[in-house]
PDB file of all heavy atoms in Angstrom:
ATOM      1  N   LEU A   1      -4.305  -1.231  -5.572  1.00  0.00           N
ATOM      2  CA  LEU A   1      -3.689   0.072  -5.822  1.00  0.00           C
ATOM      3  C   LEU A   1      -4.740   1.115  -6.194  1.00  0.00           C
ATOM      4  O   LEU A   1      -4.721   2.237  -5.680  1.00  0.00           O
ATOM      5  CB  LEU A   1      -2.631  -0.040  -6.915  1.00  0.00           C
ATOM      6  CG  LEU A   1      -1.930   1.246  -7.323  1.00  0.00           C
ATOM      7  CD1 LEU A   1      -1.206   1.883  -6.149  1.00  0.00           C
ATOM      8  CD2 LEU A   1      -0.969   0.980  -8.471  1.00  0.00           C
ATOM      9  N   LYS A   2      -5.670   0.754  -7.056  1.00  0.00           N
ATOM     10  CA  LYS A   2      -6.733   1.690  -7.450  1.00  0.00           C
ATOM     11  C   LYS A   2      -7.576   2.110  -6.250  1.00  0.00           C
ATOM     12  O   LYS A   2      -7.945   3.278  -6.126  1.00  0.00           O
ATOM     13  CB  LYS A   2      -7.622   1.058  -8.527  1.00  0.00           C
ATOM     14  CG  LYS A   2      -6.978   0.997  -9.881  1.00  0.00           C
ATOM     15  CD  LYS A   2      -7.891   0.326 -10.882  1.00  0.00           C
ATOM     16  CE  LYS A   2      -7.168   0.108 -12.197  1.00  0.00           C
ATOM     17  NZ  LYS A   2      -7.997  -0.622 -13.166  1.00  0.00           N
ATOM     18  N   LYS A   3      -7.893   1.163  -5.379  1.00  0.00           N
ATOM     19  CA  LYS A   3      -8.691   1.464  -4.194  1.00  0.00           C
ATOM     20  C   LYS A   3      -7.967   2.457  -3.290  1.00  0.00           C
ATOM     21  O   LYS A   3      -8.552   3.430  -2.819  1.00  0.00           O
ATOM     22  CB  LYS A   3      -8.989   0.168  -3.439  1.00  0.00           C
ATOM     23  CG  LYS A   3      -9.797   0.348  -2.205  1.00  0.00           C
ATOM     24  CD  LYS A   3     -11.218   0.701  -2.530  1.00  0.00           C
ATOM     25  CE  LYS A   3     -12.072   0.647  -1.299  1.00  0.00           C
ATOM     26  NZ  LYS A   3     -13.467   0.854  -1.576  1.00  0.00           N
ATOM     27  N   VAL A   4      -6.680   2.234  -3.069  1.00  0.00           N
ATOM     28  CA  VAL A   4      -5.886   3.129  -2.223  1.00  0.00           C
ATOM     29  C   VAL A   4      -5.810   4.520  -2.848  1.00  0.00           C
ATOM     30  O   VAL A   4      -5.976   5.532  -2.158  1.00  0.00           O
ATOM     31  CB  VAL A   4      -4.472   2.546  -1.990  1.00  0.00           C
ATOM     32  CG1 VAL A   4      -3.542   3.559  -1.368  1.00  0.00           C
ATOM     33  CG2 VAL A   4      -4.557   1.301  -1.119  1.00  0.00           C
ATOM     34  N   ILE A   5      -5.599   4.596  -4.152  1.00  0.00           N
ATOM     35  CA  ILE A   5      -5.515   5.890  -4.835  1.00  0.00           C
ATOM     36  C   ILE A   5      -6.854   6.613  -4.790  1.00  0.00           C
ATOM     37  O   ILE A   5      -6.903   7.833  -4.613  1.00  0.00           O
ATOM     38  CB  ILE A   5      -5.011   5.710  -6.278  1.00  0.00           C
ATOM     39  CG1 ILE A   5      -3.529   5.319  -6.255  1.00  0.00           C
ATOM     40  CG2 ILE A   5      -5.213   6.974  -7.103  1.00  0.00           C
ATOM     41  CD1 ILE A   5      -2.961   4.936  -7.594  1.00  0.00           C
ATOM     42  N   ASN A   6      -7.961   5.877  -4.947  1.00  0.00           N
ATOM     43  CA  ASN A   6      -9.287   6.494  -4.862  1.00  0.00           C
ATOM     44  C   ASN A   6      -9.545   7.114  -3.493  1.00  0.00           C
ATOM     45  O   ASN A   6     -10.188   8.151  -3.389  1.00  0.00           O
ATOM     46  CB  ASN A   6     -10.384   5.483  -5.182  1.00  0.00           C
ATOM     47  CG  ASN A   6     -10.493   5.199  -6.652  1.00  0.00           C
ATOM     48  OD1 ASN A   6     -10.036   5.983  -7.480  1.00  0.00           O
ATOM     49  ND2 ASN A   6     -11.075   4.073  -6.993  1.00  0.00           N
ATOM     50  N   ILE A   7      -9.046   6.478  -2.451  1.00  0.00           N
ATOM     51  CA  ILE A   7      -9.288   6.968  -1.094  1.00  0.00           C
ATOM     52  C   ILE A   7      -8.313   8.075  -0.705  1.00  0.00           C
ATOM     53  O   ILE A   7      -8.714   9.109  -0.171  1.00  0.00           O
ATOM     54  CB  ILE A   7      -9.222   5.810  -0.086  1.00  0.00           C
ATOM     55  CG1 ILE A   7     -10.384   4.841  -0.328  1.00  0.00           C
ATOM     56  CG2 ILE A   7      -9.256   6.327   1.347  1.00  0.00           C
ATOM     57  CD1 ILE A   7     -10.318   3.573   0.480  1.00  0.00           C
ATOM     58  N   LEU A   8      -7.028   7.875  -0.984  1.00  0.00           N
ATOM     59  CA  LEU A   8      -5.998   8.798  -0.493  1.00  0.00           C
ATOM     60  C   LEU A   8      -5.436   9.750  -1.543  1.00  0.00           C
ATOM     61  O   LEU A   8      -4.735  10.685  -1.195  1.00  0.00           O
ATOM     62  CB  LEU A   8      -4.838   8.001   0.114  1.00  0.00           C
ATOM     63  CG  LEU A   8      -5.178   7.164   1.335  1.00  0.00           C
ATOM     64  CD1 LEU A   8      -3.975   6.355   1.770  1.00  0.00           C
ATOM     65  CD2 LEU A   8      -5.665   8.049   2.464  1.00  0.00           C
ATOM     66  N   GLY A   9      -5.707   9.499  -2.800  1.00  0.00           N
ATOM     67  CA  GLY A   9      -5.167  10.349  -3.855  1.00  0.00           C
ATOM     68  C   GLY A   9      -3.932   9.750  -4.497  1.00  0.00           C
ATOM     69  O   GLY A   9      -3.363   8.772  -4.023  1.00  0.00           O
ATOM     70  N   ASP A  10      -3.506  10.366  -5.580  1.00  0.00           N
ATOM     71  CA  ASP A  10      -2.420   9.832  -6.395  1.00  0.00           C
ATOM     72  C   ASP A  10      -1.075   9.813  -5.671  1.00  0.00           C
ATOM     73  O   ASP A  10      -0.201   9.014  -6.000  1.00  0.00           O
ATOM     74  CB  ASP A  10      -2.304  10.629  -7.702  1.00  0.00           C
ATOM     75  CG  ASP A  10      -1.497   9.903  -8.744  1.00  0.00           C
ATOM     76  OD1 ASP A  10      -1.777   8.711  -8.974  1.00  0.00           O
ATOM     77  OD2 ASP A  10      -0.570  10.529  -9.312  1.00  0.00           O
ATOM     78  N   GLU A  11      -0.893  10.676  -4.688  1.00  0.00           N
ATOM     79  CA  GLU A  11       0.376  10.704  -3.961  1.00  0.00           C
ATOM     80  C   GLU A  11       0.612   9.423  -3.161  1.00  0.00           C
ATOM     81  O   GLU A  11       1.742   9.116  -2.777  1.00  0.00           O
ATOM     82  CB  GLU A  11       0.483  11.932  -3.056  1.00  0.00           C
ATOM     83  CG  GLU A  11      -0.547  12.021  -1.973  1.00  0.00           C
ATOM     84  CD  GLU A  11      -1.857  12.645  -2.400  1.00  0.00           C
ATOM     85  OE1 GLU A  11      -1.989  13.089  -3.557  1.00  0.00           O
ATOM     86  OE2 GLU A  11      -2.763  12.667  -1.566  1.00  0.00           O
ATOM     87  N   ALA A  12      -0.426   8.655  -2.906  1.00  0.00           N
ATOM     88  CA  ALA A  12      -0.293   7.396  -2.180  1.00  0.00           C
ATOM     89  C   ALA A  12       0.407   6.326  -3.020  1.00  0.00           C
ATOM     90  O   ALA A  12       0.923   5.349  -2.474  1.00  0.00           O
ATOM     91  CB  ALA A  12      -1.667   6.893  -1.742  1.00  0.00           C
ATOM     92  N   ARG A  13       0.454   6.520  -4.321  1.00  0.00           N
ATOM     93  CA  ARG A  13       1.087   5.557  -5.227  1.00  0.00           C
ATOM     94  C   ARG A  13       2.559   5.324  -4.858  1.00  0.00           C
ATOM     95  O   ARG A  13       3.067   4.215  -4.978  1.00  0.00           O
ATOM     96  CB  ARG A  13       0.976   6.057  -6.663  1.00  0.00           C
ATOM     97  CG  ARG A  13       1.562   5.145  -7.702  1.00  0.00           C
ATOM     98  CD  ARG A  13       1.508   5.754  -9.089  1.00  0.00           C
ATOM     99  NE  ARG A  13       0.191   6.203  -9.478  1.00  0.00           N
ATOM    100  CZ  ARG A  13      -0.673   5.463 -10.173  1.00  0.00           C
ATOM    101  NH1 ARG A  13      -0.347   4.249 -10.541  1.00  0.00           N
ATOM    102  NH2 ARG A  13      -1.851   5.958 -10.496  1.00  0.00           N
ATOM    103  N   VAL A  14       3.234   6.361  -4.393  1.00  0.00           N
ATOM    104  CA  VAL A  14       4.659   6.268  -4.062  1.00  0.00           C
ATOM    105  C   VAL A  14       4.897   5.332  -2.882  1.00  0.00           C
ATOM    106  O   VAL A  14       5.829   4.525  -2.888  1.00  0.00           O
ATOM    107  CB  VAL A  14       5.227   7.671  -3.755  1.00  0.00           C
ATOM    108  CG1 VAL A  14       6.656   7.588  -3.277  1.00  0.00           C
ATOM    109  CG2 VAL A  14       5.114   8.566  -4.962  1.00  0.00           C
ATOM    110  N   ASN A  15       4.061   5.400  -1.875  1.00  0.00           N
ATOM    111  CA  ASN A  15       4.249   4.607  -0.659  1.00  0.00           C
ATOM    112  C   ASN A  15       3.526   3.266  -0.665  1.00  0.00           C
ATOM    113  O   ASN A  15       3.687   2.479   0.274  1.00  0.00           O
ATOM    114  CB  ASN A  15       3.816   5.411   0.565  1.00  0.00           C
ATOM    115  CG  ASN A  15       4.797   6.507   0.872  1.00  0.00           C
ATOM    116  OD1 ASN A  15       5.995   6.329   0.748  1.00  0.00           O
ATOM    117  ND2 ASN A  15       4.283   7.660   1.261  1.00  0.00           N
ATOM    118  N   PHE A  16       2.746   2.996  -1.686  1.00  0.00           N
ATOM    119  CA  PHE A  16       1.983   1.756  -1.761  1.00  0.00           C
ATOM    120  C   PHE A  16       2.871   0.507  -1.665  1.00  0.00           C
ATOM    121  O   PHE A  16       2.594  -0.386  -0.849  1.00  0.00           O
ATOM    122  CB  PHE A  16       1.135   1.735  -3.035  1.00  0.00           C
ATOM    123  CG  PHE A  16       0.296   0.507  -3.198  1.00  0.00           C
ATOM    124  CD1 PHE A  16      -0.831   0.318  -2.423  1.00  0.00           C
ATOM    125  CD2 PHE A  16       0.637  -0.463  -4.126  1.00  0.00           C
ATOM    126  CE1 PHE A  16      -1.613  -0.827  -2.568  1.00  0.00           C
ATOM    127  CE2 PHE A  16      -0.134  -1.600  -4.277  1.00  0.00           C
ATOM    128  CZ  PHE A  16      -1.263  -1.776  -3.500  1.00  0.00           C
ATOM    129  N   PRO A  17       3.952   0.406  -2.444  1.00  0.00           N
ATOM    130  CA  PRO A  17       4.806  -0.796  -2.326  1.00  0.00           C
ATOM    131  C   PRO A  17       5.439  -0.941  -0.941  1.00  0.00           C
ATOM    132  O   PRO A  17       5.601  -2.059  -0.443  1.00  0.00           O
ATOM    133  CB  PRO A  17       5.891  -0.591  -3.388  1.00  0.00           C
ATOM    134  CG  PRO A  17       5.369   0.438  -4.303  1.00  0.00           C
ATOM    135  CD  PRO A  17       4.415   1.276  -3.510  1.00  0.00           C
ATOM    136  N   TYR A  18       5.774   0.178  -0.309  1.00  0.00           N
ATOM    137  CA  TYR A  18       6.354   0.127   1.031  1.00  0.00           C
ATOM    138  C   TYR A  18       5.341  -0.382   2.055  1.00  0.00           C
ATOM    139  O   TYR A  18       5.696  -1.127   2.977  1.00  0.00           O
ATOM    140  CB  TYR A  18       6.880   1.498   1.443  1.00  0.00           C
ATOM    141  CG  TYR A  18       7.966   2.007   0.535  1.00  0.00           C
ATOM    142  CD1 TYR A  18       7.758   3.138  -0.244  1.00  0.00           C
ATOM    143  CD2 TYR A  18       9.185   1.346   0.426  1.00  0.00           C
ATOM    144  CE1 TYR A  18       8.744   3.607  -1.096  1.00  0.00           C
ATOM    145  CE2 TYR A  18      10.175   1.809  -0.421  1.00  0.00           C
ATOM    146  CZ  TYR A  18       9.957   2.935  -1.181  1.00  0.00           C
ATOM    147  OH  TYR A  18      10.930   3.387  -2.023  1.00  0.00           O
ATOM    148  N   ALA A  19       4.096   0.007   1.890  1.00  0.00           N
ATOM    149  CA  ALA A  19       3.037  -0.475   2.785  1.00  0.00           C
ATOM    150  C   ALA A  19       2.832  -1.977   2.607  1.00  0.00           C
ATOM    151  O   ALA A  19       2.652  -2.703   3.589  1.00  0.00           O
ATOM    152  CB  ALA A  19       1.739   0.285   2.524  1.00  0.00           C
ATOM    153  N   LEU A  20       2.870  -2.450   1.372  1.00  0.00           N
ATOM    154  CA  LEU A  20       2.756  -3.886   1.123  1.00  0.00           C
ATOM    155  C   LEU A  20       3.925  -4.641   1.751  1.00  0.00           C
ATOM    156  O   LEU A  20       3.730  -5.685   2.386  1.00  0.00           O
ATOM    157  CB  LEU A  20       2.706  -4.177  -0.379  1.00  0.00           C
ATOM    158  CG  LEU A  20       1.411  -3.840  -1.093  1.00  0.00           C
ATOM    159  CD1 LEU A  20       1.581  -4.024  -2.588  1.00  0.00           C
ATOM    160  CD2 LEU A  20       0.264  -4.692  -0.575  1.00  0.00           C
ATOM    161  N   ASN A  21       5.126  -4.134   1.583  1.00  0.00           N
ATOM    162  CA  ASN A  21       6.306  -4.769   2.183  1.00  0.00           C
ATOM    163  C   ASN A  21       6.197  -4.805   3.703  1.00  0.00           C
ATOM    164  O   ASN A  21       6.533  -5.810   4.338  1.00  0.00           O
ATOM    165  CB  ASN A  21       7.582  -4.037   1.778  1.00  0.00           C
ATOM    166  CG  ASN A  21       7.957  -4.296   0.347  1.00  0.00           C
ATOM    167  OD1 ASN A  21       7.559  -5.288  -0.243  1.00  0.00           O
ATOM    168  ND2 ASN A  21       8.717  -3.380  -0.223  1.00  0.00           N
ATOM    169  N   PHE A  22       5.743  -3.710   4.276  1.00  0.00           N
ATOM    170  CA  PHE A  22       5.553  -3.607   5.724  1.00  0.00           C
ATOM    171  C   PHE A  22       4.613  -4.699   6.221  1.00  0.00           C
ATOM    172  O   PHE A  22       4.918  -5.424   7.177  1.00  0.00           O
ATOM    173  CB  PHE A  22       5.026  -2.210   6.047  1.00  0.00           C
ATOM    174  CG  PHE A  22       4.676  -1.983   7.477  1.00  0.00           C
ATOM    175  CD1 PHE A  22       5.656  -1.919   8.455  1.00  0.00           C
ATOM    176  CD2 PHE A  22       3.351  -1.809   7.864  1.00  0.00           C
ATOM    177  CE1 PHE A  22       5.333  -1.703   9.782  1.00  0.00           C
ATOM    178  CE2 PHE A  22       3.016  -1.592   9.183  1.00  0.00           C
ATOM    179  CZ  PHE A  22       4.011  -1.539  10.149  1.00  0.00           C
ATOM    180  N   LEU A  23       3.472  -4.847   5.564  1.00  0.00           N
ATOM    181  CA  LEU A  23       2.489  -5.853   5.974  1.00  0.00           C
ATOM    182  C   LEU A  23       3.005  -7.270   5.743  1.00  0.00           C
ATOM    183  O   LEU A  23       2.747  -8.175   6.542  1.00  0.00           O
ATOM    184  CB  LEU A  23       1.176  -5.631   5.232  1.00  0.00           C
ATOM    185  CG  LEU A  23       0.421  -4.365   5.614  1.00  0.00           C
ATOM    186  CD1 LEU A  23      -0.753  -4.140   4.680  1.00  0.00           C
ATOM    187  CD2 LEU A  23      -0.030  -4.426   7.059  1.00  0.00           C
ATOM    188  N   TYR A  24       3.742  -7.464   4.663  1.00  0.00           N
ATOM    189  CA  TYR A  24       4.315  -8.781   4.379  1.00  0.00           C
ATOM    190  C   TYR A  24       5.328  -9.170   5.450  1.00  0.00           C
ATOM    191  O   TYR A  24       5.333 -10.297   5.946  1.00  0.00           O
ATOM    192  CB  TYR A  24       4.960  -8.780   2.995  1.00  0.00           C
ATOM    193  CG  TYR A  24       5.528 -10.121   2.604  1.00  0.00           C
ATOM    194  CD1 TYR A  24       4.706 -11.136   2.124  1.00  0.00           C
ATOM    195  CD2 TYR A  24       6.883 -10.381   2.727  1.00  0.00           C
ATOM    196  CE1 TYR A  24       5.218 -12.368   1.781  1.00  0.00           C
ATOM    197  CE2 TYR A  24       7.409 -11.608   2.380  1.00  0.00           C
ATOM    198  CZ  TYR A  24       6.578 -12.603   1.905  1.00  0.00           C
ATOM    199  OH  TYR A  24       7.086 -13.829   1.566  1.00  0.00           O
ATOM    200  N   LEU A  25       6.177  -8.232   5.825  1.00  0.00           N
ATOM    201  CA  LEU A  25       7.187  -8.511   6.850  1.00  0.00           C
ATOM    202  C   LEU A  25       6.572  -8.756   8.221  1.00  0.00           C
ATOM    203  O   LEU A  25       7.120  -9.503   9.024  1.00  0.00           O
ATOM    204  CB  LEU A  25       8.197  -7.362   6.927  1.00  0.00           C
ATOM    205  CG  LEU A  25       9.129  -7.244   5.724  1.00  0.00           C
ATOM    206  CD1 LEU A  25       9.949  -5.972   5.819  1.00  0.00           C
ATOM    207  CD2 LEU A  25      10.023  -8.466   5.612  1.00  0.00           C
ATOM    208  N   LEU A  26       5.422  -8.150   8.477  1.00  0.00           N
ATOM    209  CA  LEU A  26       4.707  -8.393   9.737  1.00  0.00           C
ATOM    210  C   LEU A  26       3.929  -9.706   9.715  1.00  0.00           C
ATOM    211  O   LEU A  26       3.349 -10.104  10.724  1.00  0.00           O
ATOM    212  CB  LEU A  26       3.744  -7.241  10.028  1.00  0.00           C
ATOM    213  CG  LEU A  26       4.365  -5.924  10.448  1.00  0.00           C
ATOM    214  CD1 LEU A  26       3.287  -4.859  10.602  1.00  0.00           C
ATOM    215  CD2 LEU A  26       5.141  -6.081  11.743  1.00  0.00           C
ATOM    216  N   GLY A  27       3.872 -10.359   8.549  1.00  0.00           N
ATOM    217  CA  GLY A  27       3.149 -11.616   8.430  1.00  0.00           C
ATOM    218  C   GLY A  27       1.651 -11.444   8.331  1.00  0.00           C
ATOM    219  O   GLY A  27       0.899 -12.331   8.706  1.00  0.00           O
ATOM    220  N   LYS A  28       1.206 -10.302   7.813  1.00  0.00           N
ATOM    221  CA  LYS A  28      -0.224 -10.019   7.723  1.00  0.00           C
ATOM    222  C   LYS A  28      -0.828 -10.388   6.371  1.00  0.00           C
ATOM    223  O   LYS A  28      -2.046 -10.442   6.229  1.00  0.00           O
ATOM    224  CB  LYS A  28      -0.497  -8.542   7.989  1.00  0.00           C
ATOM    225  CG  LYS A  28      -0.107  -8.085   9.371  1.00  0.00           C
ATOM    226  CD  LYS A  28      -0.954  -8.759  10.404  1.00  0.00           C
ATOM    227  CE  LYS A  28      -0.624  -8.295  11.798  1.00  0.00           C
ATOM    228  NZ  LYS A  28      -1.407  -8.992  12.803  1.00  0.00           N
ATOM    229  N   LEU A  29       0.012 -10.617   5.352  1.00  0.00           N
ATOM    230  CA  LEU A  29      -0.519 -10.974   4.037  1.00  0.00           C
ATOM    231  C   LEU A  29       0.445 -11.892   3.310  1.00  0.00           C
ATOM    232  O   LEU A  29       1.619 -11.990   3.642  1.00  0.00           O
ATOM    233  CB  LEU A  29      -0.826  -9.735   3.198  1.00  0.00           C
ATOM    234  CG  LEU A  29       0.269  -8.716   2.896  1.00  0.00           C
ATOM    235  CD1 LEU A  29       1.092  -9.116   1.704  1.00  0.00           C
ATOM    236  CD2 LEU A  29      -0.363  -7.370   2.647  1.00  0.00           C
ATOM    237  N   THR A  30      -0.100 -12.588   2.317  1.00  0.00           N
ATOM    238  CA  THR A  30       0.698 -13.421   1.424  1.00  0.00           C
ATOM    239  C   THR A  30       0.463 -12.971  -0.003  1.00  0.00           C
ATOM    240  O   THR A  30      -0.565 -12.358  -0.314  1.00  0.00           O
ATOM    241  CB  THR A  30       0.332 -14.914   1.535  1.00  0.00           C
ATOM    242  OG1 THR A  30      -1.029 -15.087   1.176  1.00  0.00           O
ATOM    243  CG2 THR A  30       0.588 -15.445   2.915  1.00  0.00           C
TER     244      THR A  30
END
């Protein structure tokens, strides 16, 4: 989360969980 916020800014915090869910559903992470 800190890495994403450092790169994209604090507004990325809102969509961070959705991005994780997206990747999990695609089978890209555990």
